[in-house]
N, C-alpha and C. Protein backbone atom coordinates (compact mmCIF):
# COMPACT_ATOMS: atom_id res chain seq x y z
N MET A 1 9.35 -0.83 20.01
CA MET A 1 8.34 -1.35 19.09
C MET A 1 9.02 -1.95 17.87
N ILE A 2 8.34 -2.93 17.29
CA ILE A 2 8.88 -3.60 16.11
C ILE A 2 7.80 -3.67 15.03
N LEU A 3 8.13 -3.15 13.87
CA LEU A 3 7.28 -3.27 12.70
C LEU A 3 7.79 -4.44 11.88
N ARG A 4 6.89 -5.36 11.55
CA ARG A 4 7.29 -6.55 10.80
C ARG A 4 6.53 -6.61 9.48
N SER A 5 7.26 -6.97 8.43
CA SER A 5 6.65 -7.11 7.12
C SER A 5 7.62 -7.82 6.19
N THR A 6 7.11 -8.27 5.07
CA THR A 6 7.98 -8.65 3.96
C THR A 6 8.44 -7.38 3.27
N LEU A 7 9.40 -7.50 2.37
CA LEU A 7 9.86 -6.35 1.60
C LEU A 7 9.02 -6.12 0.34
N THR A 8 8.18 -7.09 -0.01
CA THR A 8 7.41 -7.00 -1.25
C THR A 8 5.95 -6.62 -1.03
N SER A 9 5.47 -6.69 0.21
CA SER A 9 4.05 -6.39 0.45
C SER A 9 3.77 -4.90 0.29
N PRO A 10 2.79 -4.52 -0.55
CA PRO A 10 2.42 -3.10 -0.63
C PRO A 10 1.80 -2.60 0.66
N TYR A 11 1.19 -3.51 1.43
CA TYR A 11 0.58 -3.12 2.70
C TYR A 11 1.66 -2.84 3.75
N GLY A 12 2.69 -3.67 3.75
CA GLY A 12 3.82 -3.39 4.61
C GLY A 12 4.52 -2.10 4.19
N ARG A 13 4.55 -1.85 2.90
CA ARG A 13 5.19 -0.62 2.41
C ARG A 13 4.45 0.61 2.90
N LEU A 14 3.13 0.55 2.97
CA LEU A 14 2.35 1.64 3.54
C LEU A 14 2.89 2.02 4.92
N ALA A 15 3.03 1.01 5.78
CA ALA A 15 3.49 1.27 7.15
C ALA A 15 4.94 1.73 7.18
N ARG A 16 5.76 1.19 6.30
CA ARG A 16 7.17 1.58 6.26
C ARG A 16 7.33 3.03 5.83
N ILE A 17 6.50 3.47 4.87
CA ILE A 17 6.55 4.87 4.46
C ILE A 17 6.11 5.78 5.59
N VAL A 18 5.02 5.42 6.28
CA VAL A 18 4.55 6.23 7.41
C VAL A 18 5.62 6.29 8.49
N ARG A 19 6.22 5.17 8.79
CA ARG A 19 7.30 5.13 9.80
C ARG A 19 8.40 6.13 9.45
N GLN A 20 8.80 6.16 8.19
CA GLN A 20 9.87 7.07 7.78
C GLN A 20 9.41 8.52 7.76
N GLU A 21 8.21 8.76 7.24
CA GLU A 21 7.71 10.13 7.17
C GLU A 21 7.52 10.74 8.55
N LYS A 22 7.21 9.92 9.53
CA LYS A 22 7.02 10.42 10.90
C LYS A 22 8.32 10.43 11.70
N GLY A 23 9.42 10.05 11.08
CA GLY A 23 10.70 10.08 11.77
C GLY A 23 10.81 9.09 12.92
N LEU A 24 10.26 7.90 12.71
CA LEU A 24 10.19 6.91 13.79
C LEU A 24 11.21 5.79 13.66
N GLU A 25 12.19 5.95 12.79
CA GLU A 25 13.13 4.85 12.56
C GLU A 25 13.86 4.42 13.82
N ASP A 26 14.21 5.36 14.69
CA ASP A 26 14.92 5.01 15.92
C ASP A 26 13.99 4.42 16.97
N ARG A 27 12.72 4.78 16.91
CA ARG A 27 11.76 4.32 17.93
C ARG A 27 11.09 3.01 17.54
N VAL A 28 10.94 2.80 16.24
CA VAL A 28 10.24 1.61 15.73
C VAL A 28 11.21 0.81 14.88
N GLU A 29 11.65 -0.31 15.38
CA GLU A 29 12.55 -1.20 14.64
C GLU A 29 11.79 -1.84 13.48
N PHE A 30 12.47 -2.11 12.39
CA PHE A 30 11.85 -2.83 11.27
C PHE A 30 12.51 -4.18 11.11
N GLU A 31 11.67 -5.21 11.02
CA GLU A 31 12.17 -6.58 10.88
C GLU A 31 11.48 -7.25 9.70
N VAL A 32 12.27 -7.84 8.83
CA VAL A 32 11.74 -8.56 7.67
C VAL A 32 11.31 -9.95 8.08
N VAL A 33 10.12 -10.36 7.65
CA VAL A 33 9.61 -11.70 7.95
C VAL A 33 9.16 -12.37 6.67
N THR A 34 8.95 -13.66 6.74
CA THR A 34 8.30 -14.41 5.67
C THR A 34 6.91 -14.78 6.14
N THR A 35 6.00 -14.99 5.21
CA THR A 35 4.60 -15.16 5.60
C THR A 35 4.00 -16.49 5.16
N ARG A 36 4.80 -17.36 4.61
CA ARG A 36 4.26 -18.64 4.15
C ARG A 36 5.11 -19.79 4.68
N GLY A 37 4.55 -20.98 4.61
CA GLY A 37 5.27 -22.16 5.07
C GLY A 37 4.76 -22.67 6.41
N GLU A 38 4.76 -23.97 6.55
CA GLU A 38 4.34 -24.58 7.81
C GLU A 38 5.35 -24.28 8.91
N ASP A 39 4.84 -24.24 10.15
CA ASP A 39 5.68 -24.00 11.32
C ASP A 39 6.47 -22.70 11.19
N ASN A 40 5.89 -21.73 10.56
CA ASN A 40 6.53 -20.42 10.42
C ASN A 40 6.55 -19.72 11.78
N PRO A 41 7.71 -19.31 12.28
CA PRO A 41 7.76 -18.66 13.59
C PRO A 41 6.99 -17.35 13.65
N TYR A 42 6.74 -16.73 12.50
CA TYR A 42 5.96 -15.49 12.50
C TYR A 42 4.53 -15.74 12.96
N TYR A 43 4.02 -16.95 12.76
CA TYR A 43 2.65 -17.26 13.16
C TYR A 43 2.48 -17.20 14.68
N VAL A 44 3.55 -17.38 15.42
CA VAL A 44 3.48 -17.26 16.88
C VAL A 44 3.28 -15.79 17.26
N ILE A 45 3.91 -14.91 16.51
CA ILE A 45 3.81 -13.48 16.77
C ILE A 45 2.45 -12.94 16.31
N ASN A 46 2.07 -13.35 15.10
CA ASN A 46 0.80 -12.89 14.51
C ASN A 46 0.12 -14.10 13.89
N PRO A 47 -0.85 -14.70 14.57
CA PRO A 47 -1.46 -15.94 14.10
C PRO A 47 -2.05 -15.88 12.70
N SER A 48 -2.48 -14.70 12.25
CA SER A 48 -3.04 -14.62 10.90
C SER A 48 -1.96 -14.76 9.84
N GLY A 49 -0.72 -14.44 10.20
CA GLY A 49 0.37 -14.50 9.25
C GLY A 49 0.43 -13.35 8.28
N ARG A 50 -0.44 -12.37 8.44
CA ARG A 50 -0.47 -11.25 7.52
C ARG A 50 0.50 -10.16 7.95
N VAL A 51 0.86 -9.33 6.98
CA VAL A 51 1.71 -8.18 7.25
C VAL A 51 1.02 -6.92 6.71
N PRO A 52 1.35 -5.78 7.35
CA PRO A 52 2.32 -5.61 8.43
C PRO A 52 1.71 -5.92 9.78
N SER A 53 2.58 -6.10 10.76
CA SER A 53 2.15 -6.12 12.15
C SER A 53 3.10 -5.23 12.93
N LEU A 54 2.57 -4.64 13.98
CA LEU A 54 3.36 -3.77 14.84
C LEU A 54 3.25 -4.30 16.26
N ILE A 55 4.41 -4.63 16.83
CA ILE A 55 4.45 -5.13 18.20
C ILE A 55 4.76 -3.96 19.11
N LEU A 56 3.82 -3.63 19.99
CA LEU A 56 4.00 -2.52 20.90
C LEU A 56 4.95 -2.91 22.04
N ASP A 57 5.35 -1.93 22.81
CA ASP A 57 6.32 -2.19 23.88
C ASP A 57 5.77 -3.14 24.94
N ASP A 58 4.45 -3.19 25.08
CA ASP A 58 3.87 -4.11 26.07
C ASP A 58 3.56 -5.48 25.49
N GLY A 59 3.96 -5.70 24.22
CA GLY A 59 3.76 -6.99 23.58
C GLY A 59 2.50 -7.10 22.75
N THR A 60 1.62 -6.10 22.81
CA THR A 60 0.40 -6.12 22.02
C THR A 60 0.75 -6.10 20.52
N CYS A 61 0.04 -6.95 19.75
CA CYS A 61 0.26 -7.02 18.31
C CYS A 61 -0.87 -6.30 17.59
N LEU A 62 -0.51 -5.27 16.83
CA LEU A 62 -1.47 -4.59 15.98
C LEU A 62 -1.32 -5.13 14.57
N GLU A 63 -2.43 -5.56 14.01
CA GLU A 63 -2.42 -6.11 12.65
C GLU A 63 -3.26 -5.23 11.74
N ASP A 64 -2.94 -5.24 10.46
CA ASP A 64 -3.66 -4.53 9.41
C ASP A 64 -3.02 -3.18 9.18
N SER A 65 -2.73 -2.90 7.92
CA SER A 65 -2.00 -1.68 7.59
C SER A 65 -2.77 -0.41 7.97
N THR A 66 -4.09 -0.44 7.86
CA THR A 66 -4.87 0.74 8.22
C THR A 66 -4.67 1.10 9.68
N LEU A 67 -4.76 0.11 10.55
CA LEU A 67 -4.58 0.34 11.98
C LEU A 67 -3.14 0.72 12.29
N VAL A 68 -2.19 0.00 11.71
CA VAL A 68 -0.77 0.27 11.99
C VAL A 68 -0.40 1.68 11.55
N CYS A 69 -0.83 2.09 10.36
CA CYS A 69 -0.51 3.43 9.87
C CYS A 69 -1.16 4.50 10.75
N TRP A 70 -2.39 4.27 11.15
CA TRP A 70 -3.07 5.23 12.03
C TRP A 70 -2.32 5.37 13.35
N TYR A 71 -1.89 4.24 13.92
CA TYR A 71 -1.18 4.28 15.20
C TYR A 71 0.14 5.04 15.05
N LEU A 72 0.90 4.72 14.01
CA LEU A 72 2.19 5.38 13.82
C LEU A 72 2.03 6.88 13.60
N ASP A 73 1.00 7.26 12.87
CA ASP A 73 0.76 8.68 12.61
C ASP A 73 0.37 9.42 13.89
N ASN A 74 -0.32 8.73 14.79
CA ASN A 74 -0.80 9.35 16.03
C ASN A 74 0.16 9.22 17.20
N LEU A 75 1.25 8.51 17.01
CA LEU A 75 2.14 8.19 18.11
C LEU A 75 2.72 9.45 18.77
N ASP A 76 2.96 10.48 17.97
CA ASP A 76 3.52 11.71 18.53
C ASP A 76 2.46 12.71 18.96
N GLY A 77 1.18 12.31 18.86
CA GLY A 77 0.10 13.20 19.26
C GLY A 77 -0.20 14.29 18.24
N ALA A 78 0.46 14.24 17.10
CA ALA A 78 0.26 15.27 16.07
C ALA A 78 0.12 14.61 14.71
N PRO A 79 -1.00 13.91 14.47
CA PRO A 79 -1.17 13.22 13.19
C PRO A 79 -1.21 14.19 12.02
N THR A 80 -0.56 13.81 10.93
CA THR A 80 -0.48 14.68 9.75
C THR A 80 -0.96 14.00 8.47
N LEU A 81 -1.14 12.69 8.51
CA LEU A 81 -1.34 11.93 7.27
C LEU A 81 -2.76 11.44 7.05
N HIS A 82 -3.63 11.60 8.03
CA HIS A 82 -4.96 10.99 7.94
C HIS A 82 -6.10 11.97 7.67
N GLY A 83 -5.78 13.17 7.27
CA GLY A 83 -6.80 14.12 6.87
C GLY A 83 -7.50 14.77 8.04
N PRO A 84 -8.36 15.75 7.74
CA PRO A 84 -9.09 16.45 8.80
C PRO A 84 -10.02 15.50 9.56
N THR A 85 -10.36 15.88 10.77
CA THR A 85 -11.30 15.09 11.57
C THR A 85 -12.73 15.40 11.17
N GLY A 86 -13.63 14.49 11.53
CA GLY A 86 -15.05 14.70 11.25
C GLY A 86 -15.34 14.72 9.77
N LEU A 87 -16.48 15.32 9.42
CA LEU A 87 -16.90 15.34 8.03
C LEU A 87 -16.01 16.19 7.14
N ASP A 88 -15.17 17.04 7.76
CA ASP A 88 -14.23 17.81 6.96
C ASP A 88 -13.22 16.89 6.26
N GLY A 89 -13.08 15.68 6.76
CA GLY A 89 -12.15 14.73 6.17
C GLY A 89 -12.76 13.81 5.14
N LEU A 90 -14.02 14.06 4.78
CA LEU A 90 -14.71 13.13 3.88
C LEU A 90 -13.99 12.96 2.55
N GLU A 91 -13.55 14.06 1.95
CA GLU A 91 -12.91 13.95 0.63
C GLU A 91 -11.62 13.14 0.71
N HIS A 92 -10.85 13.35 1.77
CA HIS A 92 -9.64 12.55 1.96
C HIS A 92 -9.99 11.08 2.10
N HIS A 93 -10.96 10.77 2.94
CA HIS A 93 -11.32 9.37 3.18
C HIS A 93 -11.94 8.73 1.94
N ARG A 94 -12.65 9.51 1.14
CA ARG A 94 -13.21 8.98 -0.11
C ARG A 94 -12.09 8.50 -1.03
N LEU A 95 -11.05 9.30 -1.17
CA LEU A 95 -9.97 8.93 -2.07
C LEU A 95 -9.10 7.82 -1.48
N VAL A 96 -8.94 7.79 -0.17
CA VAL A 96 -8.24 6.66 0.46
C VAL A 96 -8.99 5.37 0.17
N ALA A 97 -10.32 5.39 0.33
CA ALA A 97 -11.11 4.18 0.11
C ALA A 97 -11.01 3.71 -1.33
N SER A 98 -11.05 4.63 -2.28
CA SER A 98 -10.95 4.25 -3.69
C SER A 98 -9.55 3.72 -4.02
N ALA A 99 -8.53 4.38 -3.49
CA ALA A 99 -7.16 3.92 -3.73
C ALA A 99 -6.96 2.54 -3.12
N ARG A 100 -7.50 2.34 -1.92
CA ARG A 100 -7.35 1.05 -1.26
C ARG A 100 -8.11 -0.03 -2.03
N SER A 101 -9.26 0.30 -2.58
CA SER A 101 -10.03 -0.67 -3.35
C SER A 101 -9.24 -1.14 -4.57
N MET A 102 -8.59 -0.19 -5.25
CA MET A 102 -7.80 -0.58 -6.41
C MET A 102 -6.57 -1.38 -5.99
N LEU A 103 -5.92 -0.97 -4.90
CA LEU A 103 -4.76 -1.72 -4.40
C LEU A 103 -5.14 -3.15 -4.05
N ASP A 104 -6.27 -3.32 -3.37
CA ASP A 104 -6.72 -4.66 -3.01
C ASP A 104 -6.99 -5.51 -4.24
N GLY A 105 -7.67 -4.92 -5.22
CA GLY A 105 -8.01 -5.68 -6.42
C GLY A 105 -6.78 -6.07 -7.23
N VAL A 106 -5.85 -5.13 -7.40
CA VAL A 106 -4.65 -5.44 -8.17
C VAL A 106 -3.78 -6.45 -7.42
N SER A 107 -3.77 -6.38 -6.09
CA SER A 107 -3.01 -7.36 -5.32
C SER A 107 -3.59 -8.76 -5.49
N LEU A 108 -4.91 -8.87 -5.50
CA LEU A 108 -5.55 -10.16 -5.72
C LEU A 108 -5.24 -10.67 -7.13
N TRP A 109 -5.32 -9.81 -8.10
CA TRP A 109 -5.01 -10.13 -9.49
C TRP A 109 -3.56 -10.60 -9.61
N THR A 110 -2.64 -9.89 -8.98
CA THR A 110 -1.23 -10.25 -9.04
C THR A 110 -0.97 -11.62 -8.43
N ARG A 111 -1.66 -11.91 -7.32
CA ARG A 111 -1.44 -13.21 -6.65
C ARG A 111 -1.85 -14.38 -7.53
N GLU A 112 -2.79 -14.17 -8.44
CA GLU A 112 -3.16 -15.24 -9.36
C GLU A 112 -1.95 -15.65 -10.21
N PHE A 113 -1.11 -14.70 -10.55
CA PHE A 113 0.08 -14.98 -11.36
C PHE A 113 1.24 -15.47 -10.50
N LEU A 114 1.34 -14.97 -9.27
CA LEU A 114 2.48 -15.32 -8.43
C LEU A 114 2.37 -16.71 -7.83
N TYR A 115 1.17 -17.10 -7.44
CA TYR A 115 1.02 -18.29 -6.62
C TYR A 115 0.22 -19.41 -7.26
N ARG A 116 -0.28 -19.19 -8.46
CA ARG A 116 -1.03 -20.25 -9.14
C ARG A 116 -0.38 -20.56 -10.48
N GLU A 117 -0.23 -21.84 -10.76
CA GLU A 117 0.24 -22.23 -12.08
C GLU A 117 -0.83 -21.84 -13.11
N GLU A 118 -0.38 -21.65 -14.33
CA GLU A 118 -1.29 -21.14 -15.36
C GLU A 118 -2.54 -22.00 -15.51
N ALA A 119 -2.39 -23.30 -15.36
CA ALA A 119 -3.52 -24.21 -15.58
C ALA A 119 -4.62 -24.04 -14.55
N ILE A 120 -4.30 -23.50 -13.38
CA ILE A 120 -5.32 -23.40 -12.33
C ILE A 120 -5.63 -21.94 -11.97
N ARG A 121 -5.14 -20.99 -12.75
CA ARG A 121 -5.50 -19.60 -12.50
C ARG A 121 -6.98 -19.38 -12.80
N SER A 122 -7.59 -18.49 -12.04
CA SER A 122 -9.00 -18.17 -12.24
C SER A 122 -9.11 -17.03 -13.25
N GLN A 123 -9.47 -17.35 -14.46
CA GLN A 123 -9.64 -16.31 -15.47
C GLN A 123 -10.79 -15.39 -15.10
N THR A 124 -11.79 -15.93 -14.40
CA THR A 124 -12.91 -15.11 -13.95
C THR A 124 -12.42 -14.02 -13.01
N THR A 125 -11.56 -14.39 -12.05
CA THR A 125 -11.00 -13.41 -11.12
C THR A 125 -10.14 -12.40 -11.85
N ILE A 126 -9.29 -12.87 -12.75
CA ILE A 126 -8.41 -11.97 -13.49
C ILE A 126 -9.21 -10.96 -14.30
N ASP A 127 -10.24 -11.44 -15.01
CA ASP A 127 -11.05 -10.55 -15.84
C ASP A 127 -11.80 -9.53 -14.99
N HIS A 128 -12.31 -9.99 -13.84
CA HIS A 128 -13.07 -9.10 -12.96
C HIS A 128 -12.17 -8.00 -12.41
N GLU A 129 -11.01 -8.39 -11.91
CA GLU A 129 -10.11 -7.40 -11.32
C GLU A 129 -9.50 -6.48 -12.37
N ARG A 130 -9.25 -7.00 -13.55
CA ARG A 130 -8.74 -6.14 -14.62
C ARG A 130 -9.77 -5.08 -14.98
N GLY A 131 -11.02 -5.47 -15.12
CA GLY A 131 -12.08 -4.52 -15.44
C GLY A 131 -12.23 -3.45 -14.37
N ARG A 132 -12.21 -3.89 -13.12
CA ARG A 132 -12.32 -2.94 -12.01
C ARG A 132 -11.15 -1.95 -12.02
N ALA A 133 -9.93 -2.49 -12.19
CA ALA A 133 -8.74 -1.65 -12.15
C ALA A 133 -8.74 -0.62 -13.28
N LEU A 134 -9.11 -1.03 -14.48
CA LEU A 134 -9.10 -0.10 -15.61
C LEU A 134 -10.14 1.00 -15.42
N ARG A 135 -11.29 0.66 -14.85
CA ARG A 135 -12.29 1.69 -14.57
C ARG A 135 -11.75 2.69 -13.54
N MET A 136 -11.08 2.18 -12.53
CA MET A 136 -10.58 3.04 -11.47
C MET A 136 -9.39 3.87 -11.94
N LEU A 137 -8.61 3.34 -12.86
CA LEU A 137 -7.53 4.13 -13.44
C LEU A 137 -8.09 5.37 -14.14
N ASP A 138 -9.16 5.19 -14.87
CA ASP A 138 -9.78 6.33 -15.54
C ASP A 138 -10.33 7.33 -14.53
N MET A 139 -10.88 6.82 -13.43
CA MET A 139 -11.37 7.69 -12.38
C MET A 139 -10.24 8.53 -11.80
N PHE A 140 -9.10 7.87 -11.49
CA PHE A 140 -8.00 8.61 -10.89
C PHE A 140 -7.34 9.55 -11.88
N GLU A 141 -7.34 9.23 -13.16
CA GLU A 141 -6.83 10.18 -14.15
C GLU A 141 -7.58 11.51 -14.03
N ASN A 142 -8.86 11.43 -13.72
CA ASN A 142 -9.67 12.64 -13.59
C ASN A 142 -9.58 13.28 -12.20
N GLU A 143 -8.91 12.61 -11.26
CA GLU A 143 -8.80 13.12 -9.89
C GLU A 143 -7.43 13.74 -9.60
N MET A 144 -6.53 13.72 -10.57
CA MET A 144 -5.14 14.07 -10.27
C MET A 144 -4.93 15.53 -9.87
N GLU A 145 -5.89 16.40 -10.15
CA GLU A 145 -5.78 17.79 -9.73
C GLU A 145 -6.56 18.06 -8.45
N ASN A 146 -7.11 17.02 -7.86
CA ASN A 146 -7.82 17.15 -6.58
C ASN A 146 -6.83 17.62 -5.51
N PRO A 147 -7.19 18.61 -4.70
CA PRO A 147 -6.28 19.10 -3.66
C PRO A 147 -5.78 18.02 -2.71
N VAL A 148 -6.56 16.98 -2.50
CA VAL A 148 -6.10 15.89 -1.64
C VAL A 148 -4.86 15.23 -2.23
N LEU A 149 -4.80 15.17 -3.54
CA LEU A 149 -3.68 14.50 -4.21
C LEU A 149 -2.55 15.44 -4.59
N THR A 150 -2.78 16.74 -4.52
CA THR A 150 -1.74 17.71 -4.86
C THR A 150 -1.18 18.43 -3.65
N GLY A 151 -1.85 18.27 -2.50
CA GLY A 151 -1.42 18.96 -1.29
C GLY A 151 -0.40 18.18 -0.50
N SER A 152 -0.33 18.45 0.80
CA SER A 152 0.64 17.79 1.67
C SER A 152 0.39 16.29 1.71
N LEU A 153 1.44 15.55 1.97
CA LEU A 153 1.39 14.09 1.91
C LEU A 153 0.33 13.55 2.86
N ASN A 154 -0.42 12.56 2.39
CA ASN A 154 -1.48 11.96 3.19
C ASN A 154 -1.66 10.50 2.77
N MET A 155 -2.58 9.82 3.43
CA MET A 155 -2.73 8.39 3.20
C MET A 155 -3.28 8.07 1.82
N ALA A 156 -4.05 8.96 1.23
CA ALA A 156 -4.52 8.73 -0.14
C ALA A 156 -3.33 8.68 -1.09
N GLN A 157 -2.42 9.65 -0.94
CA GLN A 157 -1.24 9.68 -1.79
C GLN A 157 -0.33 8.49 -1.52
N ILE A 158 -0.14 8.15 -0.26
CA ILE A 158 0.74 7.03 0.08
C ILE A 158 0.19 5.72 -0.46
N THR A 159 -1.13 5.54 -0.39
CA THR A 159 -1.73 4.32 -0.90
C THR A 159 -1.52 4.19 -2.41
N LEU A 160 -1.72 5.28 -3.14
CA LEU A 160 -1.48 5.24 -4.57
C LEU A 160 0.00 5.02 -4.88
N ALA A 161 0.87 5.61 -4.06
CA ALA A 161 2.30 5.39 -4.26
C ALA A 161 2.65 3.92 -4.12
N CYS A 162 2.05 3.25 -3.14
CA CYS A 162 2.35 1.83 -2.94
C CYS A 162 1.79 0.96 -4.05
N LEU A 163 0.82 1.47 -4.78
CA LEU A 163 0.28 0.73 -5.92
C LEU A 163 1.13 0.94 -7.17
N PHE A 164 1.57 2.18 -7.41
CA PHE A 164 2.17 2.51 -8.70
C PHE A 164 3.69 2.68 -8.69
N ALA A 165 4.24 3.23 -7.65
CA ALA A 165 5.68 3.54 -7.66
C ALA A 165 6.49 2.27 -7.82
N SER A 166 7.38 2.25 -8.77
CA SER A 166 8.25 1.12 -9.14
C SER A 166 7.51 0.02 -9.91
N ARG A 167 6.24 0.23 -10.23
CA ARG A 167 5.48 -0.77 -11.01
C ARG A 167 5.63 -0.50 -12.50
N ALA A 168 6.03 -1.48 -13.23
CA ALA A 168 6.11 -1.34 -14.68
C ALA A 168 4.71 -1.25 -15.27
N ASN A 169 4.59 -0.55 -16.38
CA ASN A 169 3.32 -0.57 -17.10
C ASN A 169 3.04 -1.99 -17.58
N ASN A 170 1.76 -2.37 -17.57
CA ASN A 170 1.33 -3.70 -17.98
C ASN A 170 1.82 -4.80 -17.03
N SER A 171 1.84 -4.48 -15.73
CA SER A 171 2.21 -5.47 -14.71
C SER A 171 1.22 -5.38 -13.56
N PRO A 172 0.38 -6.44 -13.38
CA PRO A 172 0.36 -7.70 -14.12
C PRO A 172 -0.15 -7.50 -15.55
N ASP A 173 -0.07 -8.55 -16.33
CA ASP A 173 -0.43 -8.51 -17.74
C ASP A 173 -1.84 -7.96 -17.91
N GLY A 174 -1.96 -6.82 -18.59
CA GLY A 174 -3.25 -6.20 -18.80
C GLY A 174 -3.47 -4.95 -17.97
N PHE A 175 -2.61 -4.72 -16.97
CA PHE A 175 -2.74 -3.52 -16.13
C PHE A 175 -1.91 -2.40 -16.77
N THR A 176 -2.45 -1.89 -17.86
CA THR A 176 -1.75 -0.86 -18.64
C THR A 176 -2.08 0.51 -18.07
N TRP A 177 -1.54 0.78 -16.89
CA TRP A 177 -1.97 1.96 -16.14
C TRP A 177 -1.46 3.27 -16.71
N ARG A 178 -0.37 3.23 -17.47
CA ARG A 178 0.15 4.47 -18.05
C ARG A 178 -0.55 4.85 -19.36
N ASP A 179 -1.11 3.89 -20.05
CA ASP A 179 -1.62 4.12 -21.40
C ASP A 179 -2.79 5.11 -21.38
N GLY A 180 -2.61 6.25 -22.05
CA GLY A 180 -3.68 7.23 -22.17
C GLY A 180 -3.99 7.97 -20.89
N ARG A 181 -3.07 7.93 -19.93
CA ARG A 181 -3.32 8.59 -18.63
C ARG A 181 -2.13 9.47 -18.26
N PRO A 182 -1.95 10.57 -18.97
CA PRO A 182 -0.77 11.42 -18.75
C PRO A 182 -0.75 12.08 -17.38
N LYS A 183 -1.90 12.45 -16.84
CA LYS A 183 -1.92 13.10 -15.53
C LYS A 183 -1.52 12.11 -14.43
N LEU A 184 -2.05 10.92 -14.49
CA LEU A 184 -1.69 9.89 -13.51
C LEU A 184 -0.21 9.56 -13.63
N SER A 185 0.28 9.38 -14.85
CA SER A 185 1.69 9.04 -15.06
C SER A 185 2.61 10.11 -14.49
N ALA A 186 2.28 11.38 -14.74
CA ALA A 186 3.10 12.48 -14.23
C ALA A 186 3.06 12.53 -12.71
N TRP A 187 1.89 12.29 -12.14
CA TRP A 187 1.75 12.29 -10.68
C TRP A 187 2.61 11.18 -10.07
N VAL A 188 2.57 10.00 -10.68
CA VAL A 188 3.36 8.88 -10.17
C VAL A 188 4.85 9.20 -10.23
N GLU A 189 5.29 9.85 -11.29
CA GLU A 189 6.69 10.23 -11.39
C GLU A 189 7.09 11.14 -10.23
N ARG A 190 6.21 12.06 -9.86
CA ARG A 190 6.53 12.99 -8.77
C ARG A 190 6.57 12.26 -7.43
N ILE A 191 5.56 11.44 -7.14
CA ILE A 191 5.51 10.77 -5.84
C ILE A 191 6.63 9.74 -5.73
N SER A 192 7.05 9.19 -6.87
CA SER A 192 8.09 8.16 -6.86
C SER A 192 9.44 8.71 -6.44
N ALA A 193 9.61 10.03 -6.52
CA ALA A 193 10.88 10.65 -6.13
C ALA A 193 10.96 10.94 -4.64
N LEU A 194 9.87 10.76 -3.91
CA LEU A 194 9.87 11.01 -2.47
C LEU A 194 10.83 10.03 -1.80
N PRO A 195 11.74 10.51 -0.93
CA PRO A 195 12.72 9.61 -0.33
C PRO A 195 12.12 8.38 0.34
N SER A 196 11.01 8.54 1.05
CA SER A 196 10.42 7.39 1.73
C SER A 196 9.87 6.37 0.74
N VAL A 197 9.46 6.82 -0.43
CA VAL A 197 8.98 5.91 -1.47
C VAL A 197 10.17 5.20 -2.12
N VAL A 198 11.22 5.96 -2.40
CA VAL A 198 12.44 5.37 -2.97
C VAL A 198 13.02 4.33 -2.01
N ASP A 199 13.10 4.67 -0.73
CA ASP A 199 13.75 3.80 0.25
C ASP A 199 12.97 2.51 0.51
N THR A 200 11.70 2.49 0.17
CA THR A 200 10.88 1.29 0.40
C THR A 200 10.58 0.54 -0.89
N THR A 201 11.30 0.85 -1.95
CA THR A 201 11.10 0.15 -3.21
C THR A 201 11.28 -1.35 -3.01
N PRO A 202 10.30 -2.15 -3.40
CA PRO A 202 10.44 -3.59 -3.20
C PRO A 202 11.49 -4.20 -4.13
N PRO A 203 12.16 -5.25 -3.67
CA PRO A 203 13.11 -5.93 -4.57
C PRO A 203 12.36 -6.62 -5.70
N SER A 204 13.06 -6.83 -6.79
CA SER A 204 12.45 -7.55 -7.92
C SER A 204 12.15 -8.98 -7.52
N ARG A 205 10.98 -9.46 -7.90
CA ARG A 205 10.63 -10.85 -7.64
C ARG A 205 11.38 -11.74 -8.62
N LYS A 206 11.92 -12.85 -8.10
CA LYS A 206 12.64 -13.78 -8.96
C LYS A 206 11.71 -14.87 -9.46
């Protein structure tokens, strides 16, 4: 099997952390790809061009980090990262959904700065995502003692790690996630020391 992603995608990082936590490095090869440009050979493998993608041994392409992480966690028949089954897993899935919502919004906000010149950036989008993110930061500051976030590693924790670990405060401009949030800041410091989080730290963008 081959896991493909860029080194900077937080969604690819989700899958890379799961791959390492499940001890799948020898079974699942990792290949770095690029996702933009005409005639990109990656589009033949995954027509959407999104990452991560996981190519199974029979050639099937799994796309989307949620699916890829679920598959990798279940590959050994003993999933550990996706919470209890049935309604017993509701609290875990609630926090995964909230963490994913913030990750999606901040990623959209960041792309406005990465891929649009200042003259054509959407201030409406930036303001909307900034407001959403700041509200959710306050929510998570109050959730940091939740057993889902203090217990054994799971997808809620991994999703938050991919959002915060190695991220400077005020990046993007206005995402002041550390300010006035000591519990969140301390939690991020702890999760950032996890070997799989350290090993998947994205390179600095030039």
